[in-house]
């Protein structure tokens, strides 16, 4: 398995390079730029703009700046922010752990709710519960995250006062695990809502498809209990296609954090990436896009490895 993982990592390097070239090119052909905010400022003369552009390296062609950025990246230097002047690695180090905490909580909620809901509606096919949960799943799937977040803030933070409305810590209490969990509930539910809806539907469809297969009838003919047939044979095989969906959805948690962190003032990568888009801060943008691409590759690799544990027919030599 180690050889297979190494091979996949080596195959991912050209893909990451292609992603960086395309994204860097697209960012540089968009209107405006890092210095656009100064263009309508009468106190900033063209001479000062030229000096600032030279200091930031913006007077060079985009491909020259790209190769300089890539060479620095290979040496562990992700560049410096055009606006704050701080190292991009420092900005990421301050924000990325917070985003990973939010993503992890949203993933646990999504899988912990989506799996039992999918199993329940599959075992009660065409019942009232099935139709009701199906309606709620499609409704939650279509609901914008910012609207759902505002509803949760209004109900649980403003009206009931049970949970904090924003932030990661309370300024009036000591930073404890309990305080973190209380601040984490609302944004993680908002971030994981869409995945709960979609994963429960995919799990339901997978179970209903597998339960009609011949090996299920064979297991029943052997005298196994219905519970054993479902848990050991039907559920295990039904999860195989869902693993691919989960692996592909991993970057969506990172992308969804951009909106969720903005709503709940969560100090993570989402807010940093959104600010960099508004400010045309290319080094920070490239870091965010590169992390998203890495998450997509890691999600696919984790899905492939999970297949080997669930399906005995899959071998990694």
Protein backbone atom coordinates (compact mmCIF):
# COMPACT_ATOMS: atom_id res chain seq x y z
CA UNK A 1 0.00 0.00 0.00
CA UNK A 2 2.89 2.36 0.70
CA UNK A 3 4.08 2.01 -2.88
CA UNK A 4 0.60 2.81 -4.17
CA UNK A 5 0.36 5.94 -2.00
CA UNK A 6 3.77 7.12 -3.18
CA UNK A 7 2.75 6.54 -6.79
CA UNK A 8 -0.43 8.57 -6.35
CA UNK A 9 1.52 11.41 -4.73
CA UNK A 10 3.96 11.50 -7.64
CA UNK A 11 1.07 11.51 -10.10
CA UNK A 12 -0.50 14.44 -8.25
CA UNK A 13 2.54 16.72 -8.68
CA UNK A 14 1.95 17.48 -12.42
CA UNK A 15 -1.73 18.05 -11.66
CA UNK A 16 -0.91 20.56 -8.94
CA UNK A 17 1.51 22.35 -11.26
CA UNK A 18 -1.17 22.60 -13.95
CA UNK A 19 -3.64 23.98 -11.40
CA UNK A 20 -1.18 26.64 -10.27
CA UNK A 21 -0.35 27.72 -13.85
CA UNK A 22 -4.00 28.05 -14.89
CA UNK A 23 -5.13 29.84 -11.73
CA UNK A 24 -2.17 32.24 -11.71
CA UNK A 25 -2.80 33.10 -15.36
CA UNK A 26 -6.54 33.66 -14.80
CA UNK A 27 -5.93 35.86 -11.79
CA UNK A 28 -3.56 38.06 -13.76
CA UNK A 29 -5.88 38.60 -16.73
CA UNK A 30 -8.81 39.70 -14.55
CA UNK A 31 -9.50 43.46 -14.45
CA UNK A 32 -7.84 45.40 -11.69
CA UNK A 33 -4.94 44.22 -9.60
CA UNK A 34 -3.31 44.59 -6.21
CA UNK A 35 -2.75 48.30 -6.88
CA UNK A 36 -6.27 49.04 -8.16
CA UNK A 37 -7.29 50.41 -4.76
CA UNK A 38 -4.77 53.26 -5.17
CA UNK A 39 -5.73 54.30 -8.71
CA UNK A 40 -8.46 56.74 -7.63
CA UNK A 41 -6.52 58.14 -4.69
CA UNK A 42 -5.28 61.63 -5.60
CA UNK A 43 -2.52 61.43 -3.00
CA UNK A 44 -0.90 58.45 -4.76
CA UNK A 45 1.00 59.67 -7.79
CA UNK A 46 1.94 57.48 -10.77
CA UNK A 47 5.55 57.63 -9.64
CA UNK A 48 4.65 56.18 -6.26
CA UNK A 49 2.57 53.49 -7.97
CA UNK A 50 5.55 52.57 -10.13
CA UNK A 51 7.80 52.33 -7.07
CA UNK A 52 5.25 50.19 -5.22
CA UNK A 53 4.80 47.93 -8.25
CA UNK A 54 8.56 47.46 -8.48
CA UNK A 55 8.82 46.65 -4.77
CA UNK A 56 6.09 43.99 -5.11
CA UNK A 57 7.50 42.65 -8.36
CA UNK A 58 4.33 43.60 -10.26
CA UNK A 59 6.33 45.32 -13.00
CA UNK A 60 7.41 41.92 -14.33
CA UNK A 61 5.37 39.68 -16.66
CA UNK A 62 2.96 37.29 -14.98
CA UNK A 63 4.90 34.19 -16.05
CA UNK A 64 8.10 35.59 -14.55
CA UNK A 65 6.31 36.24 -11.27
CA UNK A 66 4.79 32.75 -11.43
CA UNK A 67 8.15 31.01 -11.76
CA UNK A 68 9.62 33.15 -9.00
CA UNK A 69 6.66 32.19 -6.80
CA UNK A 70 6.99 28.50 -7.75
CA UNK A 71 10.72 28.47 -7.04
CA UNK A 72 10.13 30.05 -3.64
CA UNK A 73 7.34 27.56 -2.96
CA UNK A 74 9.66 24.63 -3.66
CA UNK A 75 12.02 26.03 -1.03
CA UNK A 76 9.22 26.29 1.54
CA UNK A 77 8.54 29.99 1.05
CA UNK A 78 4.92 30.74 0.11
CA UNK A 79 5.64 34.42 -0.50
CA UNK A 80 4.47 37.56 1.26
CA UNK A 81 1.06 39.19 1.34
CA UNK A 82 0.83 42.27 -0.90
CA UNK A 83 -1.25 44.12 1.69
CA UNK A 84 -0.12 43.06 5.14
CA UNK A 85 3.48 42.32 4.17
CA UNK A 86 3.41 39.25 6.41
CA UNK A 87 4.61 35.83 5.21
CA UNK A 88 1.77 33.82 3.68
CA UNK A 89 2.90 30.79 5.68
CA UNK A 90 2.39 32.78 8.88
CA UNK A 91 -1.12 33.85 7.84
CA UNK A 92 -2.02 30.27 6.97
CA UNK A 93 -0.53 28.92 10.17
CA UNK A 94 -2.76 31.27 12.16
CA UNK A 95 -5.97 30.47 10.24
CA UNK A 96 -5.74 26.94 8.82
CA UNK A 97 -6.04 25.06 12.17
CA UNK A 98 -9.29 26.91 12.89
CA UNK A 99 -10.70 25.95 9.50
CA UNK A 100 -9.65 22.33 9.94
CA UNK A 101 -11.46 22.26 13.30
CA UNK A 102 -14.61 23.60 11.64
CA UNK A 103 -14.31 21.19 8.71
CA UNK A 104 -13.75 18.23 11.03
CA UNK A 105 -16.78 19.07 13.13
CA UNK A 106 -18.94 19.54 10.02
CA UNK A 107 -17.73 16.20 8.62
CA UNK A 108 -18.53 14.36 11.86
CA UNK A 109 -22.01 15.91 11.96
CA UNK A 110 -22.62 15.15 8.28
CA UNK A 111 -21.59 11.51 8.49
CA UNK A 112 -23.07 10.99 11.95
CA UNK A 113 -26.48 12.28 10.80
CA UNK A 114 -26.45 11.32 7.12
CA UNK A 115 -25.62 7.63 7.67
CA UNK A 116 -28.39 6.79 10.18
CA UNK A 117 -30.92 8.89 8.25
CA UNK A 118 -30.07 7.10 5.01
CA UNK A 119 -30.31 3.70 6.69
CA UNK A 120 -33.61 4.58 8.36
CA UNK A 121 -35.39 5.76 5.20
CA UNK A 122 -34.01 2.80 3.24
CA UNK A 123 -35.50 0.36 5.76
CA UNK A 124 -38.81 2.26 5.67
CA UNK A 125 -39.09 2.71 1.93
CA UNK A 126 -42.17 4.62 0.67
CA UNK A 127 -43.41 5.17 4.22
CA UNK A 128 -44.49 8.53 5.61
CA UNK A 129 -41.07 8.90 7.28
CA UNK A 130 -39.36 8.24 3.95
CA UNK A 131 -41.36 10.90 2.12
CA UNK A 132 -41.02 13.40 4.97
CA UNK A 133 -37.25 12.99 5.29
CA UNK A 134 -36.86 13.05 1.51
CA UNK A 135 -38.71 16.37 1.38
CA UNK A 136 -36.59 17.79 4.20
CA UNK A 137 -33.40 16.56 2.51
CA UNK A 138 -34.19 18.29 -0.77
CA UNK A 139 -35.26 21.41 1.11
CA UNK A 140 -32.01 21.49 3.11
CA UNK A 141 -29.98 20.77 -0.02
CA UNK A 142 -31.49 23.77 -1.80
CA UNK A 143 -31.35 26.19 1.15
CA UNK A 144 -28.54 28.78 0.89
CA UNK A 145 -26.07 28.42 3.72
CA UNK A 146 -26.05 32.14 4.54
CA UNK A 147 -29.85 32.14 4.96
CA UNK A 148 -29.80 29.03 7.15
CA UNK A 149 -26.99 30.52 9.21
CA UNK A 150 -28.94 33.72 9.84
CA UNK A 151 -31.96 31.65 10.93
CA UNK A 152 -29.89 29.66 13.42
CA UNK A 153 -28.30 32.83 14.77
CA UNK A 154 -31.70 34.47 15.22
CA UNK A 155 -33.30 31.47 16.93
CA UNK A 156 -30.54 29.97 19.08
CA UNK A 157 -28.40 33.03 19.76
CA UNK A 158 -30.75 36.02 19.75
CA UNK A 159 -34.14 34.61 20.77
CA UNK A 160 -33.17 31.70 23.03
CA UNK A 161 -29.66 32.76 24.01
CA UNK A 162 -28.43 29.18 24.15
CA UNK A 163 -25.42 29.51 21.87
CA UNK A 164 -23.04 32.32 20.87
CA UNK A 165 -23.80 34.03 17.59
CA UNK A 166 -20.25 34.46 16.29
CA UNK A 167 -16.57 34.09 16.97
CA UNK A 168 -14.49 31.18 18.15
CA UNK A 169 -14.00 32.18 21.79
CA UNK A 170 -15.82 34.33 24.28
CA UNK A 171 -14.07 37.48 25.45
CA UNK A 172 -15.74 37.17 28.85
CA UNK A 173 -14.75 33.57 29.62
CA UNK A 174 -11.60 31.52 29.76
CA UNK A 175 -10.64 29.69 26.57
CA UNK A 176 -11.77 26.15 27.33
CA UNK A 177 -12.87 23.16 25.28
CA UNK A 178 -16.47 23.74 26.35
CA UNK A 179 -16.37 27.32 25.08
CA UNK A 180 -14.92 26.13 21.77
CA UNK A 181 -17.64 23.50 21.36
CA UNK A 182 -20.41 26.01 22.09
CA UNK A 183 -19.06 28.37 19.43
CA UNK A 184 -18.55 25.47 17.02
CA UNK A 185 -22.10 24.08 17.01
CA UNK A 186 -23.88 26.61 14.79
CA UNK A 187 -21.22 27.08 12.05
CA UNK A 188 -20.50 23.33 11.82
CA UNK A 189 -24.22 22.55 11.44
CA UNK A 190 -24.53 25.16 8.69
CA UNK A 191 -21.42 23.88 6.91
CA UNK A 192 -22.54 20.25 7.12
CA UNK A 193 -26.21 20.73 6.26
CA UNK A 194 -25.85 20.15 2.52
CA UNK A 195 -23.75 17.04 3.02
CA UNK A 196 -26.26 15.59 5.49
CA UNK A 197 -28.99 15.96 2.87
CA UNK A 198 -27.00 14.59 -0.06
CA UNK A 199 -25.22 11.76 1.76
CA UNK A 200 -28.46 10.46 3.28
CA UNK A 201 -30.01 10.29 -0.20
CA UNK A 202 -26.99 8.49 -1.67
CA UNK A 203 -26.88 6.03 1.23
CA UNK A 204 -30.59 5.32 0.83
CA UNK A 205 -30.20 4.69 -2.91
CA UNK A 206 -27.14 2.50 -2.36
CA UNK A 207 -28.85 0.31 0.23
CA UNK A 208 -31.98 -0.12 -1.88
CA UNK A 209 -29.85 -1.16 -4.85
CA UNK A 210 -27.66 -3.61 -2.95
CA UNK A 211 -30.49 -5.23 -1.04
CA UNK A 212 -31.88 -6.62 -4.33
CA UNK A 213 -28.66 -8.42 -5.27
CA UNK A 214 -28.29 -12.19 -5.41
CA UNK A 215 -25.71 -12.40 -2.61
CA UNK A 216 -28.25 -10.87 -0.22
CA UNK A 217 -30.75 -13.62 -1.04
CA UNK A 218 -27.97 -16.18 -0.61
CA UNK A 219 -27.11 -14.78 2.83
CA UNK A 220 -30.74 -15.03 3.86
CA UNK A 221 -30.94 -18.59 2.52
CA UNK A 222 -28.02 -19.53 4.79
CA UNK A 223 -30.19 -18.73 7.79
CA UNK A 224 -28.58 -15.45 8.82
CA UNK A 225 -30.77 -13.04 10.74
CA UNK A 226 -32.10 -9.99 8.92
CA UNK A 227 -29.94 -7.75 11.12
CA UNK A 228 -26.80 -9.71 10.27
CA UNK A 229 -27.63 -9.67 6.57
CA UNK A 230 -28.13 -5.93 6.63
CA UNK A 231 -25.09 -4.98 8.71
CA UNK A 232 -22.53 -7.46 7.41
CA UNK A 233 -23.50 -7.66 3.75
CA UNK A 234 -25.92 -4.96 2.58
CA UNK A 235 -24.57 -1.92 4.44
CA UNK A 236 -20.92 -2.69 3.83
CA UNK A 237 -21.42 -2.96 0.06
CA UNK A 238 -23.77 -0.01 -0.09
CA UNK A 239 -21.12 2.25 1.42
CA UNK A 240 -18.67 1.63 -1.44
CA UNK A 241 -20.08 4.20 -3.90
CA UNK A 242 -20.73 6.65 -1.05
CA UNK A 243 -17.02 6.72 -0.23
CA UNK A 244 -16.27 8.32 -3.59
CA UNK A 245 -18.92 10.98 -2.97
CA UNK A 246 -17.48 11.73 0.47
CA UNK A 247 -13.95 11.97 -0.92
CA UNK A 248 -15.04 14.41 -3.62
CA UNK A 249 -17.02 16.47 -1.10
CA UNK A 250 -14.01 17.08 1.12
CA UNK A 251 -12.93 20.24 -0.76
CA UNK A 252 -16.53 21.50 -0.62
CA UNK A 253 -16.17 21.82 3.15
CA UNK A 254 -13.19 24.08 2.55
CA UNK A 255 -15.08 26.10 -0.06
CA UNK A 256 -18.21 26.31 2.06
CA UNK A 257 -16.15 27.61 4.94
CA UNK A 258 -15.64 30.85 2.99
CA UNK A 259 -19.30 31.79 3.46
CA UNK A 260 -19.82 30.10 6.82
CA UNK A 261 -16.81 31.74 8.44
CA UNK A 262 -17.94 35.11 7.15
CA UNK A 263 -21.42 34.68 8.67
CA UNK A 264 -20.17 33.53 12.07
CA UNK A 265 -16.96 35.61 12.17
CA UNK A 266 -14.95 32.41 12.46
CA UNK A 267 -11.22 33.26 12.23
CA UNK A 268 -10.26 30.72 9.59
CA UNK A 269 -8.97 30.38 6.05
CA UNK A 270 -12.35 31.20 4.55
CA UNK A 271 -12.32 34.79 5.74
CA UNK A 272 -8.64 35.14 4.84
CA UNK A 273 -9.28 33.83 1.31
CA UNK A 274 -12.31 36.08 0.82
CA UNK A 275 -10.34 39.13 1.92
CA UNK A 276 -7.54 38.19 -0.48
CA UNK A 277 -10.06 38.03 -3.35
CA UNK A 278 -11.32 41.52 -2.59
CA UNK A 279 -7.77 42.87 -2.28
CA UNK A 280 -6.30 41.00 -5.30
CA UNK A 281 -3.69 39.56 -2.94
CA UNK A 282 -2.25 36.98 -5.35
CA UNK A 283 0.12 35.14 -2.98
CA UNK A 284 -2.66 34.50 -0.46
CA UNK A 285 -5.08 33.52 -3.23
CA UNK A 286 -2.60 31.03 -4.65
CA UNK A 287 -2.07 29.52 -1.21
CA UNK A 288 -5.82 29.06 -0.71
CA UNK A 289 -6.32 27.51 -4.16
CA UNK A 290 -3.34 25.23 -3.66
CA UNK A 291 -4.71 24.01 -0.33
CA UNK A 292 -8.08 23.34 -1.98
CA UNK A 293 -6.41 21.31 -4.74
CA UNK A 294 -4.42 19.33 -2.17
CA UNK A 295 -7.61 18.56 -0.24
CA UNK A 296 -9.24 17.26 -3.43
CA UNK A 297 -6.31 14.94 -4.10
CA UNK A 298 -6.18 13.79 -0.47
CA UNK A 299 -9.92 13.12 -0.51
CA UNK A 300 -9.64 10.96 -3.63
CA UNK A 301 -6.67 9.09 -2.19
CA UNK A 302 -8.48 8.46 1.10
CA UNK A 303 -11.49 7.18 -0.83
CA UNK A 304 -9.32 4.78 -2.83
CA UNK A 305 -7.67 3.46 0.32
CA UNK A 306 -11.04 3.01 2.03
CA UNK A 307 -12.14 0.82 -0.85
CA UNK A 308 -9.36 -1.60 0.05
CA UNK A 309 -10.69 -1.97 3.60
CA UNK A 310 -14.34 -2.42 2.63
CA UNK A 311 -13.98 -4.46 -0.56
CA UNK A 312 -11.76 -7.58 -0.30
CA UNK A 313 -11.52 -7.71 -4.09
CA UNK A 314 -9.43 -4.52 -4.13
CA UNK A 315 -5.70 -4.98 -3.62
CA UNK A 316 -2.92 -2.40 -3.65
CA UNK A 317 0.32 -4.04 -4.69
